[in-house]
């Protein structure tokens, strides 16, 4: 599948809300642990992020004890 076809049919969805709830953490606490602003995490959580640094992604996954594929998933475009 060509990149344009992927963009037209799927979105990257961040499951941050679900993972935070499962672990009993708040967005504010995760921001403190990871060392990023609540605003930046909120952008990611609400699927508005266009990019994420690997170091931030690794820190989030480490704090949530999850794999990248548990945090970021592809979903059909609505």
N, C-alpha and C. Protein backbone atom coordinates (compact mmCIF):
# COMPACT_ATOMS: atom_id res chain seq x y z
N UNK A 1 0.84 -1.17 0.00
CA UNK A 1 0.00 0.00 0.00
C UNK A 1 0.89 1.24 0.00
N UNK A 2 0.62 2.17 -0.86
CA UNK A 2 1.40 3.40 -0.96
C UNK A 2 1.06 4.33 0.20
N UNK A 3 2.01 5.19 0.60
CA UNK A 3 1.78 6.09 1.73
C UNK A 3 0.50 6.92 1.60
N UNK A 4 0.17 7.39 0.42
CA UNK A 4 -1.04 8.19 0.24
C UNK A 4 -2.29 7.36 0.53
N UNK A 5 -2.26 6.09 0.15
CA UNK A 5 -3.41 5.21 0.41
C UNK A 5 -3.59 5.00 1.91
N UNK A 6 -2.49 4.85 2.64
CA UNK A 6 -2.56 4.67 4.09
C UNK A 6 -3.14 5.92 4.73
N UNK A 7 -2.67 7.08 4.32
CA UNK A 7 -3.17 8.33 4.88
C UNK A 7 -4.66 8.49 4.63
N UNK A 8 -5.14 8.06 3.49
CA UNK A 8 -6.55 8.22 3.14
C UNK A 8 -7.46 7.26 3.90
N UNK A 9 -6.93 6.13 4.35
CA UNK A 9 -7.81 5.12 4.91
C UNK A 9 -7.68 4.93 6.42
N UNK A 10 -6.60 5.42 7.04
CA UNK A 10 -6.40 5.21 8.47
C UNK A 10 -5.88 6.45 9.16
N UNK A 11 -6.06 6.48 10.46
CA UNK A 11 -5.52 7.51 11.32
C UNK A 11 -4.70 6.83 12.40
N UNK A 12 -3.70 7.53 12.92
CA UNK A 12 -2.99 7.04 14.08
C UNK A 12 -3.77 7.53 15.29
N UNK A 13 -4.12 6.61 16.15
CA UNK A 13 -4.87 6.94 17.36
C UNK A 13 -3.99 6.68 18.58
N UNK A 14 -3.95 7.64 19.48
CA UNK A 14 -3.21 7.51 20.72
C UNK A 14 -4.16 7.02 21.81
N UNK A 15 -3.81 5.93 22.44
CA UNK A 15 -4.64 5.32 23.48
C UNK A 15 -4.26 5.81 24.88
N UNK A 16 -3.73 7.01 24.98
CA UNK A 16 -3.22 7.52 26.26
C UNK A 16 -4.30 7.54 27.34
N UNK A 17 -5.50 7.99 27.00
CA UNK A 17 -6.60 8.02 27.98
C UNK A 17 -6.85 6.64 28.59
N UNK A 18 -6.96 5.64 27.74
CA UNK A 18 -7.24 4.29 28.21
C UNK A 18 -6.12 3.76 29.10
N UNK A 19 -4.88 3.99 28.67
CA UNK A 19 -3.74 3.49 29.43
C UNK A 19 -3.60 4.20 30.78
N UNK A 20 -3.85 5.50 30.80
CA UNK A 20 -3.81 6.23 32.07
C UNK A 20 -4.87 5.70 33.03
N UNK A 21 -6.07 5.50 32.52
CA UNK A 21 -7.15 4.99 33.36
C UNK A 21 -6.83 3.61 33.91
N UNK A 22 -6.32 2.73 33.06
CA UNK A 22 -5.96 1.38 33.49
C UNK A 22 -4.91 1.39 34.59
N UNK A 23 -4.03 2.40 34.58
CA UNK A 23 -2.92 2.46 35.53
C UNK A 23 -3.18 3.41 36.70
N UNK A 24 -4.34 4.04 36.69
CA UNK A 24 -4.68 4.93 37.78
C UNK A 24 -3.82 6.19 37.84
N UNK A 25 -3.39 6.66 36.68
CA UNK A 25 -2.56 7.87 36.60
C UNK A 25 -3.34 9.01 35.97
N UNK A 26 -2.94 10.23 36.32
CA UNK A 26 -3.51 11.41 35.68
C UNK A 26 -2.54 11.91 34.62
N UNK A 27 -3.05 12.72 33.73
CA UNK A 27 -2.21 13.34 32.71
C UNK A 27 -1.14 14.22 33.36
N UNK A 28 -1.53 14.91 34.42
CA UNK A 28 -0.59 15.77 35.14
C UNK A 28 0.55 14.97 35.73
N UNK A 29 0.23 13.85 36.35
CA UNK A 29 1.28 13.01 36.95
C UNK A 29 2.18 12.43 35.88
N UNK A 30 1.62 11.98 34.77
CA UNK A 30 2.43 11.45 33.68
C UNK A 30 3.37 12.52 33.14
N UNK A 31 2.87 13.74 33.01
CA UNK A 31 3.71 14.85 32.53
C UNK A 31 4.90 15.06 33.46
N UNK A 32 4.67 14.97 34.77
CA UNK A 32 5.76 15.11 35.74
C UNK A 32 6.78 14.00 35.59
N UNK A 33 6.31 12.78 35.44
CA UNK A 33 7.20 11.61 35.32
C UNK A 33 8.04 11.70 34.05
N UNK A 34 7.39 12.06 32.95
CA UNK A 34 8.03 12.06 31.63
C UNK A 34 8.87 13.32 31.41
N UNK A 35 8.48 14.42 32.04
CA UNK A 35 9.21 15.66 31.87
C UNK A 35 8.78 16.47 30.65
N UNK A 36 7.50 16.40 30.34
CA UNK A 36 6.92 17.21 29.27
C UNK A 36 5.73 17.96 29.84
N UNK A 37 5.23 18.94 29.11
CA UNK A 37 4.10 19.71 29.61
C UNK A 37 2.80 18.94 29.46
N UNK A 38 1.85 19.28 30.30
CA UNK A 38 0.52 18.70 30.22
C UNK A 38 -0.10 19.05 28.86
N UNK A 39 0.17 20.26 28.38
CA UNK A 39 -0.36 20.68 27.08
C UNK A 39 0.13 19.76 25.97
N UNK A 40 1.42 19.45 25.96
CA UNK A 40 1.96 18.56 24.92
C UNK A 40 1.36 17.16 25.01
N UNK A 41 1.18 16.65 26.22
CA UNK A 41 0.55 15.34 26.36
C UNK A 41 -0.92 15.39 25.94
N UNK A 42 -1.57 16.50 26.22
CA UNK A 42 -2.97 16.65 25.82
C UNK A 42 -3.12 16.64 24.30
N UNK A 43 -2.21 17.30 23.61
CA UNK A 43 -2.22 17.29 22.14
C UNK A 43 -2.09 15.86 21.63
N UNK A 44 -1.19 15.10 22.23
CA UNK A 44 -1.00 13.70 21.84
C UNK A 44 -2.26 12.89 22.16
N UNK A 45 -2.78 13.06 23.36
CA UNK A 45 -3.96 12.32 23.83
C UNK A 45 -5.18 12.56 22.95
N UNK A 46 -5.30 13.77 22.44
CA UNK A 46 -6.47 14.13 21.63
C UNK A 46 -6.24 13.93 20.13
N UNK A 47 -5.21 13.18 19.79
CA UNK A 47 -4.91 12.82 18.39
C UNK A 47 -4.66 14.04 17.51
N UNK A 48 -4.11 15.09 18.09
CA UNK A 48 -3.79 16.28 17.30
C UNK A 48 -2.29 16.41 17.02
N UNK A 49 -1.49 15.52 17.56
CA UNK A 49 -0.04 15.58 17.36
C UNK A 49 0.31 15.18 15.93
N UNK A 50 1.27 15.86 15.36
CA UNK A 50 1.75 15.54 14.02
C UNK A 50 3.10 14.83 14.08
N UNK A 51 3.76 14.92 15.24
CA UNK A 51 5.07 14.27 15.42
C UNK A 51 5.30 14.06 16.90
N UNK A 52 6.18 13.12 17.22
CA UNK A 52 6.59 12.88 18.59
C UNK A 52 8.04 12.44 18.58
N UNK A 53 8.83 12.95 19.50
CA UNK A 53 10.23 12.55 19.59
C UNK A 53 10.30 11.13 20.12
N UNK A 54 11.25 10.37 19.60
CA UNK A 54 11.42 9.01 20.08
C UNK A 54 11.71 8.99 21.58
N UNK A 55 12.48 9.96 22.06
CA UNK A 55 12.80 10.00 23.50
C UNK A 55 11.53 10.20 24.33
N UNK A 56 10.62 11.03 23.86
CA UNK A 56 9.35 11.24 24.56
C UNK A 56 8.49 9.99 24.51
N UNK A 57 8.43 9.37 23.35
CA UNK A 57 7.67 8.14 23.18
C UNK A 57 8.20 7.05 24.10
N UNK A 58 9.52 6.92 24.16
CA UNK A 58 10.13 5.93 25.05
C UNK A 58 9.82 6.22 26.51
N UNK A 59 9.89 7.49 26.90
CA UNK A 59 9.62 7.86 28.30
C UNK A 59 8.17 7.60 28.67
N UNK A 60 7.24 7.89 27.77
CA UNK A 60 5.83 7.62 28.03
C UNK A 60 5.60 6.12 28.19
N UNK A 61 6.15 5.35 27.28
CA UNK A 61 5.97 3.89 27.34
C UNK A 61 6.62 3.31 28.60
N UNK A 62 7.75 3.83 28.99
CA UNK A 62 8.40 3.36 30.21
C UNK A 62 7.54 3.70 31.43
N UNK A 63 7.02 4.92 31.49
CA UNK A 63 6.20 5.35 32.62
C UNK A 63 4.90 4.54 32.71
N UNK A 64 4.35 4.18 31.56
CA UNK A 64 3.09 3.43 31.52
C UNK A 64 3.30 1.93 31.47
N UNK A 65 4.57 1.50 31.41
CA UNK A 65 4.91 0.08 31.31
C UNK A 65 4.14 -0.58 30.17
N UNK A 66 4.31 0.02 28.98
CA UNK A 66 3.62 -0.51 27.80
C UNK A 66 4.55 -0.49 26.60
N UNK A 67 4.12 -1.13 25.55
CA UNK A 67 4.83 -1.12 24.28
C UNK A 67 4.27 0.00 23.42
N UNK A 68 5.06 0.44 22.46
CA UNK A 68 4.62 1.51 21.56
C UNK A 68 3.30 1.14 20.87
N UNK A 69 3.17 -0.11 20.46
CA UNK A 69 1.96 -0.57 19.78
C UNK A 69 0.72 -0.59 20.66
N UNK A 70 0.90 -0.52 21.97
CA UNK A 70 -0.24 -0.41 22.88
C UNK A 70 -0.68 1.05 23.00
N UNK A 71 0.26 1.96 22.80
CA UNK A 71 -0.02 3.39 22.92
C UNK A 71 -0.55 3.97 21.62
N UNK A 72 0.09 3.63 20.52
CA UNK A 72 -0.28 4.16 19.20
C UNK A 72 -0.80 3.03 18.33
N UNK A 73 -2.01 3.21 17.81
CA UNK A 73 -2.62 2.18 16.97
C UNK A 73 -3.19 2.84 15.71
N UNK A 74 -3.31 2.07 14.65
CA UNK A 74 -3.96 2.54 13.43
C UNK A 74 -5.44 2.20 13.53
N UNK A 75 -6.27 3.12 13.13
CA UNK A 75 -7.71 2.85 13.13
C UNK A 75 -8.29 3.38 11.82
N UNK A 76 -9.35 2.76 11.35
CA UNK A 76 -9.98 3.24 10.12
C UNK A 76 -10.45 4.66 10.29
N UNK A 77 -10.31 5.42 9.24
CA UNK A 77 -10.77 6.82 9.26
C UNK A 77 -12.28 6.85 9.25
N UNK A 78 -12.85 7.71 10.06
CA UNK A 78 -14.32 7.80 10.17
C UNK A 78 -14.91 8.61 9.05
